[in-house]
PDB file of all heavy atoms in Angstrom:
ATOM      1  N   LEU A   1      -8.066 156.790 -25.820  1.00  0.00           N
ATOM      2  CA  LEU A   1      -6.782 157.166 -25.238  1.00  0.00           C
ATOM      3  C   LEU A   1      -6.225 155.923 -24.564  1.00  0.00           C
ATOM      4  O   LEU A   1      -6.948 155.236 -23.841  1.00  0.00           O
ATOM      5  CB  LEU A   1      -6.979 158.290 -24.218  1.00  0.00           C
ATOM      6  CG  LEU A   1      -5.742 158.821 -23.494  1.00  0.00           C
ATOM      7  CD1 LEU A   1      -4.833 159.569 -24.464  1.00  0.00           C
ATOM      8  CD2 LEU A   1      -6.160 159.754 -22.351  1.00  0.00           C
ATOM      9  N   ILE A   2      -4.946 155.633 -24.796  1.00  0.00           N
ATOM     10  CA  ILE A   2      -4.403 154.382 -24.283  1.00  0.00           C
ATOM     11  C   ILE A   2      -3.045 154.615 -23.620  1.00  0.00           C
ATOM     12  O   ILE A   2      -2.261 155.473 -24.050  1.00  0.00           O
ATOM     13  CB  ILE A   2      -4.281 153.329 -25.417  1.00  0.00           C
ATOM     14  CG1 ILE A   2      -3.962 151.951 -24.855  1.00  0.00           C
ATOM     15  CG2 ILE A   2      -3.263 153.756 -26.456  1.00  0.00           C
ATOM     16  CD1 ILE A   2      -4.104 150.834 -25.878  1.00  0.00           C
ATOM     17  N   ALA A   3      -2.811 153.877 -22.541  1.00  0.00           N
ATOM     18  CA  ALA A   3      -1.518 153.883 -21.852  1.00  0.00           C
ATOM     19  C   ALA A   3      -0.884 152.516 -22.005  1.00  0.00           C
ATOM     20  O   ALA A   3      -1.516 151.490 -21.717  1.00  0.00           O
ATOM     21  CB  ALA A   3      -1.702 154.231 -20.379  1.00  0.00           C
ATOM     22  N   LEU A   4       0.375 152.474 -22.452  1.00  0.00           N
ATOM     23  CA  LEU A   4       1.109 151.232 -22.648  1.00  0.00           C
ATOM     24  C   LEU A   4       2.331 151.201 -21.746  1.00  0.00           C
ATOM     25  O   LEU A   4       2.908 152.243 -21.411  1.00  0.00           O
ATOM     26  CB  LEU A   4       1.562 151.097 -24.107  1.00  0.00           C
ATOM     27  CG  LEU A   4       0.501 151.179 -25.201  1.00  0.00           C
ATOM     28  CD1 LEU A   4       1.176 151.112 -26.569  1.00  0.00           C
ATOM     29  CD2 LEU A   4      -0.527 150.081 -25.045  1.00  0.00           C
ATOM     30  N   ASP A   5       2.732 150.012 -21.362  1.00  0.00           N
ATOM     31  CA  ASP A   5       4.000 149.829 -20.672  1.00  0.00           C
ATOM     32  C   ASP A   5       5.116 150.064 -21.687  1.00  0.00           C
ATOM     33  O   ASP A   5       5.174 149.410 -22.734  1.00  0.00           O
ATOM     34  CB  ASP A   5       4.089 148.413 -20.107  1.00  0.00           C
ATOM     35  CG  ASP A   5       5.348 148.182 -19.286  1.00  0.00           C
ATOM     36  OD1 ASP A   5       6.453 148.245 -19.873  1.00  0.00           O
ATOM     37  OD2 ASP A   5       5.225 147.931 -18.079  1.00  0.00           O
ATOM     38  N   LYS A   6       6.004 151.007 -21.410  1.00  0.00           N
ATOM     39  CA  LYS A   6       7.009 151.383 -22.412  1.00  0.00           C
ATOM     40  C   LYS A   6       8.012 150.264 -22.703  1.00  0.00           C
ATOM     41  O   LYS A   6       8.624 150.233 -23.774  1.00  0.00           O
ATOM     42  CB  LYS A   6       7.745 152.640 -21.978  1.00  0.00           C
ATOM     43  CG  LYS A   6       8.730 152.451 -20.842  1.00  0.00           C
ATOM     44  CD  LYS A   6       9.510 153.719 -20.577  1.00  0.00           C
ATOM     45  CE  LYS A   6      10.595 153.507 -19.510  1.00  0.00           C
ATOM     46  NZ  LYS A   6      11.350 154.751 -19.242  1.00  0.00           N
ATOM     47  N   LYS A   7       8.191 149.329 -21.765  1.00  0.00           N
ATOM     48  CA  LYS A   7       9.172 148.272 -21.954  1.00  0.00           C
ATOM     49  C   LYS A   7       8.625 147.081 -22.721  1.00  0.00           C
ATOM     50  O   LYS A   7       9.376 146.382 -23.407  1.00  0.00           O
ATOM     51  CB  LYS A   7       9.704 147.807 -20.591  1.00  0.00           C
ATOM     52  CG  LYS A   7      10.453 148.888 -19.825  1.00  0.00           C
ATOM     53  CD  LYS A   7      10.936 148.380 -18.483  1.00  0.00           C
ATOM     54  CE  LYS A   7      11.683 149.455 -17.724  1.00  0.00           C
ATOM     55  NZ  LYS A   7      12.148 148.994 -16.388  1.00  0.00           N
ATOM     56  N   THR A   8       7.305 146.850 -22.618  1.00  0.00           N
ATOM     57  CA  THR A   8       6.712 145.662 -23.236  1.00  0.00           C
ATOM     58  C   THR A   8       5.662 145.962 -24.297  1.00  0.00           C
ATOM     59  O   THR A   8       5.350 145.106 -25.117  1.00  0.00           O
ATOM     60  CB  THR A   8       6.050 144.791 -22.157  1.00  0.00           C
ATOM     61  OG1 THR A   8       4.946 145.517 -21.580  1.00  0.00           O
ATOM     62  CG2 THR A   8       7.043 144.423 -21.066  1.00  0.00           C
ATOM     63  N   GLY A   9       5.084 147.166 -24.264  1.00  0.00           N
ATOM     64  CA  GLY A   9       3.981 147.496 -25.158  1.00  0.00           C
ATOM     65  C   GLY A   9       2.637 146.988 -24.675  1.00  0.00           C
ATOM     66  O   GLY A   9       1.617 147.167 -25.344  1.00  0.00           O
ATOM     67  N   ASN A  10       2.604 146.353 -23.493  1.00  0.00           N
ATOM     68  CA  ASN A  10       1.340 145.841 -22.958  1.00  0.00           C
ATOM     69  C   ASN A  10       0.438 146.998 -22.504  1.00  0.00           C
ATOM     70  O   ASN A  10       0.908 148.016 -21.995  1.00  0.00           O
ATOM     71  CB  ASN A  10       1.599 144.908 -21.773  1.00  0.00           C
ATOM     72  CG  ASN A  10       2.313 143.637 -22.193  1.00  0.00           C
ATOM     73  OD1 ASN A  10       2.204 143.198 -23.331  1.00  0.00           O
ATOM     74  ND2 ASN A  10       3.071 143.053 -21.270  1.00  0.00           N
ATOM     75  N   GLU A  11      -0.866 146.792 -22.664  1.00  0.00           N
ATOM     76  CA  GLU A  11      -1.834 147.817 -22.276  1.00  0.00           C
ATOM     77  C   GLU A  11      -1.923 147.936 -20.754  1.00  0.00           C
ATOM     78  O   GLU A  11      -2.059 146.942 -20.049  1.00  0.00           O
ATOM     79  CB  GLU A  11      -3.208 147.473 -22.853  1.00  0.00           C
ATOM     80  CG  GLU A  11      -4.296 148.474 -22.520  1.00  0.00           C
ATOM     81  CD  GLU A  11      -5.629 148.083 -23.105  1.00  0.00           C
ATOM     82  OE1 GLU A  11      -5.671 147.680 -24.303  1.00  0.00           O
ATOM     83  OE2 GLU A  11      -6.647 148.170 -22.379  1.00  0.00           O
ATOM     84  N   VAL A  12      -1.818 149.173 -20.252  1.00  0.00           N
ATOM     85  CA  VAL A  12      -1.984 149.459 -18.827  1.00  0.00           C
ATOM     86  C   VAL A  12      -3.417 149.881 -18.547  1.00  0.00           C
ATOM     87  O   VAL A  12      -4.065 149.403 -17.627  1.00  0.00           O
ATOM     88  CB  VAL A  12      -0.997 150.543 -18.356  1.00  0.00           C
ATOM     89  CG1 VAL A  12      -1.204 150.864 -16.873  1.00  0.00           C
ATOM     90  CG2 VAL A  12       0.443 150.111 -18.620  1.00  0.00           C
ATOM     91  N   TRP A  13      -3.922 150.833 -19.354  1.00  0.00           N
ATOM     92  CA  TRP A  13      -5.337 151.197 -19.313  1.00  0.00           C
ATOM     93  C   TRP A  13      -5.744 151.797 -20.650  1.00  0.00           C
ATOM     94  O   TRP A  13      -4.900 152.211 -21.431  1.00  0.00           O
ATOM     95  CB  TRP A  13      -5.672 152.129 -18.139  1.00  0.00           C
ATOM     96  CG  TRP A  13      -4.887 153.419 -18.021  1.00  0.00           C
ATOM     97  CD1 TRP A  13      -3.866 153.688 -17.143  1.00  0.00           C
ATOM     98  CD2 TRP A  13      -5.061 154.621 -18.784  1.00  0.00           C
ATOM     99  NE1 TRP A  13      -3.394 154.955 -17.311  1.00  0.00           N
ATOM    100  CE2 TRP A  13      -4.121 155.567 -18.298  1.00  0.00           C
ATOM    101  CE3 TRP A  13      -5.918 155.004 -19.815  1.00  0.00           C
ATOM    102  CZ2 TRP A  13      -4.013 156.861 -18.833  1.00  0.00           C
ATOM    103  CZ3 TRP A  13      -5.815 156.298 -20.353  1.00  0.00           C
ATOM    104  CH2 TRP A  13      -4.874 157.199 -19.855  1.00  0.00           C
ATOM    105  N   LYS A  14      -7.051 151.828 -20.874  1.00  0.00           N
ATOM    106  CA  LYS A  14      -7.596 152.362 -22.122  1.00  0.00           C
ATOM    107  C   LYS A  14      -8.933 153.021 -21.830  1.00  0.00           C
ATOM    108  O   LYS A  14      -9.763 152.473 -21.113  1.00  0.00           O
ATOM    109  CB  LYS A  14      -7.779 151.236 -23.156  1.00  0.00           C
ATOM    110  CG  LYS A  14      -8.333 151.679 -24.500  1.00  0.00           C
ATOM    111  CD  LYS A  14      -8.450 150.472 -25.437  1.00  0.00           C
ATOM    112  CE  LYS A  14      -9.027 150.856 -26.788  1.00  0.00           C
ATOM    113  NZ  LYS A  14      -9.166 149.675 -27.677  1.00  0.00           N
ATOM    114  N   LYS A  15      -9.143 154.240 -22.376  1.00  0.00           N
ATOM    115  CA  LYS A  15     -10.371 154.977 -22.154  1.00  0.00           C
ATOM    116  C   LYS A  15     -10.984 155.377 -23.499  1.00  0.00           C
ATOM    117  O   LYS A  15     -10.327 156.011 -24.336  1.00  0.00           O
ATOM    118  CB  LYS A  15     -10.110 156.239 -21.320  1.00  0.00           C
ATOM    119  CG  LYS A  15      -9.561 155.963 -19.922  1.00  0.00           C
ATOM    120  CD  LYS A  15     -10.580 155.247 -19.058  1.00  0.00           C
ATOM    121  CE  LYS A  15     -10.023 154.960 -17.677  1.00  0.00           C
ATOM    122  NZ  LYS A  15     -11.004 154.272 -16.808  1.00  0.00           N
ATOM    123  N   ASP A  16     -12.258 155.001 -23.702  1.00  0.00           N
ATOM    124  CA  ASP A  16     -12.964 155.435 -24.898  1.00  0.00           C
ATOM    125  C   ASP A  16     -13.205 156.940 -24.845  1.00  0.00           C
ATOM    126  O   ASP A  16     -13.393 157.519 -23.765  1.00  0.00           O
ATOM    127  CB  ASP A  16     -14.300 154.697 -25.017  1.00  0.00           C
ATOM    128  CG  ASP A  16     -14.122 153.220 -25.309  1.00  0.00           C
ATOM    129  OD1 ASP A  16     -13.078 152.853 -25.876  1.00  0.00           O
ATOM    130  OD2 ASP A  16     -15.024 152.434 -24.954  1.00  0.00           O
ATOM    131  N   ARG A  17     -13.216 157.561 -26.015  1.00  0.00           N
ATOM    132  CA  ARG A  17     -13.447 159.008 -26.110  1.00  0.00           C
ATOM    133  C   ARG A  17     -14.560 159.295 -27.104  1.00  0.00           C
ATOM    134  O   ARG A  17     -14.747 158.554 -28.069  1.00  0.00           O
ATOM    135  CB  ARG A  17     -12.157 159.719 -26.557  1.00  0.00           C
ATOM    136  CG  ARG A  17     -11.105 159.766 -25.464  1.00  0.00           C
ATOM    137  CD  ARG A  17      -9.741 160.162 -25.982  1.00  0.00           C
ATOM    138  NE  ARG A  17      -9.704 161.406 -26.749  1.00  0.00           N
ATOM    139  CZ  ARG A  17      -9.650 162.611 -26.209  1.00  0.00           C
ATOM    140  NH1 ARG A  17      -9.646 162.758 -24.892  1.00  0.00           N
ATOM    141  NH2 ARG A  17      -9.574 163.693 -26.974  1.00  0.00           N
ATOM    142  N   SER A  18     -15.284 160.372 -26.867  1.00  0.00           N
ATOM    143  CA  SER A  18     -16.394 160.762 -27.734  1.00  0.00           C
ATOM    144  C   SER A  18     -15.938 161.679 -28.862  1.00  0.00           C
ATOM    145  O   SER A  18     -16.753 162.140 -29.658  1.00  0.00           O
ATOM    146  CB  SER A  18     -17.476 161.476 -26.906  1.00  0.00           C
ATOM    147  OG  SER A  18     -16.935 162.630 -26.268  1.00  0.00           O
ATOM    148  N   GLU A  19     -14.633 161.949 -28.951  1.00  0.00           N
ATOM    149  CA  GLU A  19     -14.113 162.867 -29.965  1.00  0.00           C
ATOM    150  C   GLU A  19     -14.130 162.249 -31.361  1.00  0.00           C
ATOM    151  O   GLU A  19     -14.072 161.027 -31.517  1.00  0.00           O
ATOM    152  CB  GLU A  19     -12.676 163.263 -29.622  1.00  0.00           C
ATOM    153  CG  GLU A  19     -12.506 163.880 -28.255  1.00  0.00           C
ATOM    154  CD  GLU A  19     -13.298 165.150 -28.086  1.00  0.00           C
ATOM    155  OE1 GLU A  19     -13.461 165.904 -29.073  1.00  0.00           O
ATOM    156  OE2 GLU A  19     -13.769 165.410 -26.966  1.00  0.00           O
ATOM    157  N   ARG A  20     -14.160 163.134 -32.346  1.00  0.00           N
ATOM    158  CA  ARG A  20     -13.919 162.713 -33.717  1.00  0.00           C
ATOM    159  C   ARG A  20     -12.462 163.028 -34.055  1.00  0.00           C
ATOM    160  O   ARG A  20     -11.635 163.166 -33.165  1.00  0.00           O
ATOM    161  CB  ARG A  20     -14.918 163.401 -34.645  1.00  0.00           C
ATOM    162  CG  ARG A  20     -16.365 163.011 -34.306  1.00  0.00           C
ATOM    163  CD  ARG A  20     -17.368 163.674 -35.206  1.00  0.00           C
ATOM    164  NE  ARG A  20     -17.238 163.243 -36.596  1.00  0.00           N
ATOM    165  CZ  ARG A  20     -18.012 163.694 -37.591  1.00  0.00           C
ATOM    166  NH1 ARG A  20     -18.964 164.588 -37.341  1.00  0.00           N
ATOM    167  NH2 ARG A  20     -17.839 163.254 -38.817  1.00  0.00           N
ATOM    168  N   THR A  21     -12.125 163.151 -35.322  1.00  0.00           N
ATOM    169  CA  THR A  21     -10.741 163.308 -35.737  1.00  0.00           C
ATOM    170  C   THR A  21     -10.041 164.468 -35.036  1.00  0.00           C
ATOM    171  O   THR A  21     -10.550 165.581 -34.988  1.00  0.00           O
ATOM    172  CB  THR A  21     -10.670 163.519 -37.258  1.00  0.00           C
ATOM    173  OG1 THR A  21     -11.153 162.347 -37.912  1.00  0.00           O
ATOM    174  CG2 THR A  21      -9.232 163.769 -37.699  1.00  0.00           C
ATOM    175  N   VAL A  22      -8.875 164.175 -34.487  1.00  0.00           N
ATOM    176  CA  VAL A  22      -8.021 165.171 -33.844  1.00  0.00           C
ATOM    177  C   VAL A  22      -6.584 164.906 -34.275  1.00  0.00           C
ATOM    178  O   VAL A  22      -6.162 163.750 -34.360  1.00  0.00           O
ATOM    179  CB  VAL A  22      -8.146 165.087 -32.305  1.00  0.00           C
ATOM    180  CG1 VAL A  22      -7.022 165.855 -31.618  1.00  0.00           C
ATOM    181  CG2 VAL A  22      -9.491 165.621 -31.839  1.00  0.00           C
ATOM    182  N   TRP A  23      -5.821 165.967 -34.553  1.00  0.00           N
ATOM    183  CA  TRP A  23      -4.402 165.823 -34.932  1.00  0.00           C
ATOM    184  C   TRP A  23      -3.468 166.332 -33.837  1.00  0.00           C
ATOM    185  O   TRP A  23      -2.261 166.279 -33.964  1.00  0.00           O
ATOM    186  CB  TRP A  23      -4.130 166.557 -36.243  1.00  0.00           C
ATOM    187  CG  TRP A  23      -4.866 165.964 -37.398  1.00  0.00           C
ATOM    188  CD1 TRP A  23      -4.509 164.855 -38.131  1.00  0.00           C
ATOM    189  CD2 TRP A  23      -6.097 166.409 -37.967  1.00  0.00           C
ATOM    190  NE1 TRP A  23      -5.434 164.595 -39.111  1.00  0.00           N
ATOM    191  CE2 TRP A  23      -6.433 165.540 -39.038  1.00  0.00           C
ATOM    192  CE3 TRP A  23      -6.965 167.464 -37.692  1.00  0.00           C
ATOM    193  CZ2 TRP A  23      -7.579 165.696 -39.808  1.00  0.00           C
ATOM    194  CZ3 TRP A  23      -8.105 167.615 -38.463  1.00  0.00           C
ATOM    195  CH2 TRP A  23      -8.400 166.737 -39.511  1.00  0.00           C
ATOM    196  N   SER A  24      -4.025 166.832 -32.777  1.00  0.00           N
ATOM    197  CA  SER A  24      -3.230 167.330 -31.662  1.00  0.00           C
ATOM    198  C   SER A  24      -2.575 166.180 -30.902  1.00  0.00           C
ATOM    199  O   SER A  24      -3.100 165.071 -30.864  1.00  0.00           O
ATOM    200  CB  SER A  24      -4.132 168.131 -30.716  1.00  0.00           C
ATOM    201  OG  SER A  24      -3.462 168.470 -29.530  1.00  0.00           O
ATOM    202  N   SER A  25      -1.435 166.453 -30.276  1.00  0.00           N
ATOM    203  CA  SER A  25      -0.756 165.460 -29.437  1.00  0.00           C
ATOM    204  C   SER A  25      -1.029 165.751 -27.965  1.00  0.00           C
ATOM    205  O   SER A  25      -1.120 166.907 -27.562  1.00  0.00           O
ATOM    206  CB  SER A  25       0.750 165.483 -29.687  1.00  0.00           C
ATOM    207  OG  SER A  25       1.042 165.157 -31.031  1.00  0.00           O
ATOM    208  N   PRO A  26      -1.134 164.714 -27.136  1.00  0.00           N
ATOM    209  CA  PRO A  26      -1.306 164.923 -25.693  1.00  0.00           C
ATOM    210  C   PRO A  26      -0.014 165.450 -25.069  1.00  0.00           C
ATOM    211  O   PRO A  26       1.065 165.340 -25.663  1.00  0.00           O
ATOM    212  CB  PRO A  26      -1.645 163.528 -25.175  1.00  0.00           C
ATOM    213  CG  PRO A  26      -0.992 162.601 -26.148  1.00  0.00           C
ATOM    214  CD  PRO A  26      -1.049 163.287 -27.487  1.00  0.00           C
ATOM    215  N   ILE A  27      -0.127 166.032 -23.886  1.00  0.00           N
ATOM    216  CA  ILE A  27       1.065 166.464 -23.157  1.00  0.00           C
ATOM    217  C   ILE A  27       0.970 166.017 -21.706  1.00  0.00           C
ATOM    218  O   ILE A  27      -0.126 165.794 -21.182  1.00  0.00           O
ATOM    219  CB  ILE A  27       1.297 167.986 -23.219  1.00  0.00           C
ATOM    220  CG1 ILE A  27       0.236 168.733 -22.382  1.00  0.00           C
ATOM    221  CG2 ILE A  27       1.331 168.494 -24.639  1.00  0.00           C
ATOM    222  CD1 ILE A  27       0.641 170.160 -22.051  1.00  0.00           C
ATOM    223  N   ILE A  28       2.113 165.872 -21.077  1.00  0.00           N
ATOM    224  CA  ILE A  28       2.194 165.658 -19.636  1.00  0.00           C
ATOM    225  C   ILE A  28       2.399 167.021 -18.987  1.00  0.00           C
ATOM    226  O   ILE A  28       3.360 167.732 -19.305  1.00  0.00           O
ATOM    227  CB  ILE A  28       3.345 164.707 -19.270  1.00  0.00           C
ATOM    228  CG1 ILE A  28       3.057 163.299 -19.806  1.00  0.00           C
ATOM    229  CG2 ILE A  28       3.552 164.675 -17.763  1.00  0.00           C
ATOM    230  CD1 ILE A  28       1.875 162.611 -19.131  1.00  0.00           C
ATOM    231  N   TRP A  29       1.484 167.397 -18.087  1.00  0.00           N
ATOM    232  CA  TRP A  29       1.543 168.694 -17.416  1.00  0.00           C
ATOM    233  C   TRP A  29       1.932 168.477 -15.957  1.00  0.00           C
ATOM    234  O   TRP A  29       1.127 168.026 -15.165  1.00  0.00           O
ATOM    235  CB  TRP A  29       0.192 169.401 -17.523  1.00  0.00           C
ATOM    236  CG  TRP A  29       0.141 170.756 -16.877  1.00  0.00           C
ATOM    237  CD1 TRP A  29       1.193 171.568 -16.561  1.00  0.00           C
ATOM    238  CD2 TRP A  29      -1.036 171.466 -16.476  1.00  0.00           C
ATOM    239  NE1 TRP A  29       0.746 172.737 -15.988  1.00  0.00           N
ATOM    240  CE2 TRP A  29      -0.612 172.709 -15.924  1.00  0.00           C
ATOM    241  CE3 TRP A  29      -2.401 171.171 -16.539  1.00  0.00           C
ATOM    242  CZ2 TRP A  29      -1.520 173.642 -15.427  1.00  0.00           C
ATOM    243  CZ3 TRP A  29      -3.304 172.106 -16.038  1.00  0.00           C
ATOM    244  CH2 TRP A  29      -2.870 173.335 -15.499  1.00  0.00           C
ATOM    245  N   LYS A  30       3.184 168.803 -15.636  1.00  0.00           N
ATOM    246  CA  LYS A  30       3.652 168.717 -14.253  1.00  0.00           C
ATOM    247  C   LYS A  30       3.505 170.104 -13.637  1.00  0.00           C
ATOM    248  O   LYS A  30       4.386 170.970 -13.807  1.00  0.00           O
ATOM    249  CB  LYS A  30       5.103 168.228 -14.210  1.00  0.00           C
ATOM    250  CG  LYS A  30       5.280 166.804 -14.745  1.00  0.00           C
ATOM    251  CD  LYS A  30       6.728 166.355 -14.655  1.00  0.00           C
ATOM    252  CE  LYS A  30       6.932 164.969 -15.254  1.00  0.00           C
ATOM    253  NZ  LYS A  30       6.284 163.904 -14.500  1.00  0.00           N
ATOM    254  N   ASN A  31       2.389 170.337 -12.964  1.00  0.00           N
ATOM    255  CA  ASN A  31       2.115 171.656 -12.406  1.00  0.00           C
ATOM    256  C   ASN A  31       2.342 171.675 -10.893  1.00  0.00           C
ATOM    257  O   ASN A  31       2.801 170.695 -10.312  1.00  0.00           O
ATOM    258  CB  ASN A  31       0.701 172.113 -12.772  1.00  0.00           C
ATOM    259  CG  ASN A  31      -0.371 171.140 -12.298  1.00  0.00           C
ATOM    260  OD1 ASN A  31      -0.445 170.779 -11.125  1.00  0.00           O
ATOM    261  ND2 ASN A  31      -1.216 170.679 -13.233  1.00  0.00           N
ATOM    262  N   LYS A  32       2.012 172.777 -10.272  1.00  0.00           N
ATOM    263  CA  LYS A  32       2.299 172.924  -8.843  1.00  0.00           C
ATOM    264  C   LYS A  32       1.421 172.031  -7.967  1.00  0.00           C
ATOM    265  O   LYS A  32       1.709 171.855  -6.773  1.00  0.00           O
ATOM    266  CB  LYS A  32       2.109 174.375  -8.418  1.00  0.00           C
ATOM    267  CG  LYS A  32       0.685 174.901  -8.547  1.00  0.00           C
ATOM    268  CD  LYS A  32       0.598 176.339  -8.090  1.00  0.00           C
ATOM    269  CE  LYS A  32      -0.844 176.840  -8.137  1.00  0.00           C
ATOM    270  NZ  LYS A  32      -0.938 178.240  -7.655  1.00  0.00           N
ATOM    271  N   GLU A  33       0.348 171.458  -8.543  1.00  0.00           N
ATOM    272  CA  GLU A  33      -0.577 170.632  -7.769  1.00  0.00           C
ATOM    273  C   GLU A  33      -0.365 169.132  -7.985  1.00  0.00           C
ATOM    274  O   GLU A  33      -0.476 168.339  -7.047  1.00  0.00           O
ATOM    275  CB  GLU A  33      -2.024 170.992  -8.137  1.00  0.00           C
ATOM    276  CG  GLU A  33      -2.403 172.444  -7.859  1.00  0.00           C
ATOM    277  CD  GLU A  33      -2.499 172.763  -6.382  1.00  0.00           C
ATOM    278  OE1 GLU A  33      -2.650 171.821  -5.584  1.00  0.00           O
ATOM    279  OE2 GLU A  33      -2.418 173.950  -6.022  1.00  0.00           O
ATOM    280  N   ARG A  34      -0.060 168.730  -9.239  1.00  0.00           N
ATOM    281  CA  ARG A  34      -0.017 167.305  -9.567  1.00  0.00           C
ATOM    282  C   ARG A  34       0.514 167.131 -10.989  1.00  0.00           C
ATOM    283  O   ARG A  34       0.821 168.116 -11.675  1.00  0.00           O
ATOM    284  CB  ARG A  34      -1.434 166.701  -9.460  1.00  0.00           C
ATOM    285  CG  ARG A  34      -2.397 167.318 -10.463  1.00  0.00           C
ATOM    286  CD  ARG A  34      -3.845 167.096 -10.127  1.00  0.00           C
ATOM    287  NE  ARG A  34      -4.707 167.807 -11.071  1.00  0.00           N
ATOM    288  CZ  ARG A  34      -5.972 168.109 -10.834  1.00  0.00           C
ATOM    289  NH1 ARG A  34      -6.542 167.763  -9.703  1.00  0.00           N
ATOM    290  NH2 ARG A  34      -6.686 168.764 -11.747  1.00  0.00           N
ATOM    291  N   THR A  35       0.586 165.887 -11.432  1.00  0.00           N
ATOM    292  CA  THR A  35       0.934 165.576 -12.814  1.00  0.00           C
ATOM    293  C   THR A  35      -0.324 165.146 -13.560  1.00  0.00           C
ATOM    294  O   THR A  35      -1.087 164.312 -13.071  1.00  0.00           O
ATOM    295  CB  THR A  35       1.982 164.454 -12.880  1.00  0.00           C
ATOM    296  OG1 THR A  35       3.179 164.905 -12.235  1.00  0.00           O
ATOM    297  CG2 THR A  35       2.314 164.093 -14.317  1.00  0.00           C
ATOM    298  N   GLU A  36      -0.562 165.715 -14.751  1.00  0.00           N
ATOM    299  CA  GLU A  36      -1.763 165.440 -15.525  1.00  0.00           C
ATOM    300  C   GLU A  36      -1.406 165.052 -16.953  1.00  0.00           C
ATOM    301  O   GLU A  36      -0.382 165.482 -17.489  1.00  0.00           O
ATOM    302  CB  GLU A  36      -2.685 166.669 -15.558  1.00  0.00           C
ATOM    303  CG  GLU A  36      -3.026 167.227 -14.185  1.00  0.00           C
ATOM    304  CD  GLU A  36      -3.922 168.458 -14.263  1.00  0.00           C
ATOM    305  OE1 GLU A  36      -4.669 168.596 -15.250  1.00  0.00           O
ATOM    306  OE2 GLU A  36      -3.858 169.291 -13.334  1.00  0.00           O
ATOM    307  N   LEU A  37      -2.269 164.254 -17.568  1.00  0.00           N
ATOM    308  CA  LEU A  37      -2.187 163.932 -18.990  1.00  0.00           C
ATOM    309  C   LEU A  37      -3.315 164.695 -19.681  1.00  0.00           C
ATOM    310  O   LEU A  37      -4.489 164.429 -19.432  1.00  0.00           O
ATOM    311  CB  LEU A  37      -2.361 162.425 -19.205  1.00  0.00           C
ATOM    312  CG  LEU A  37      -2.481 161.941 -20.642  1.00  0.00           C
ATOM    313  CD1 LEU A  37      -1.197 162.196 -21.424  1.00  0.00           C
ATOM    314  CD2 LEU A  37      -2.842 160.455 -20.683  1.00  0.00           C
ATOM    315  N   VAL A  38      -2.964 165.675 -20.509  1.00  0.00           N
ATOM    316  CA  VAL A  38      -3.961 166.574 -21.102  1.00  0.00           C
ATOM    317  C   VAL A  38      -4.110 166.295 -22.584  1.00  0.00           C
ATOM    318  O   VAL A  38      -3.121 166.192 -23.320  1.00  0.00           O
ATOM    319  CB  VAL A  38      -3.583 168.044 -20.886  1.00  0.00           C
ATOM    320  CG1 VAL A  38      -4.646 168.967 -21.471  1.00  0.00           C
ATOM    321  CG2 VAL A  38      -3.399 168.339 -19.389  1.00  0.00           C
TER     322      VAL A  38
END
């Protein structure tokens, strides 16, 4: 999973994952407690 600066494309952070093939898209969840990337 990777986060890029939208203006430059530079990497902000990157996290390895143990998952295999997935076709689902992530979502931003702005809930009553906080904002999450799911």
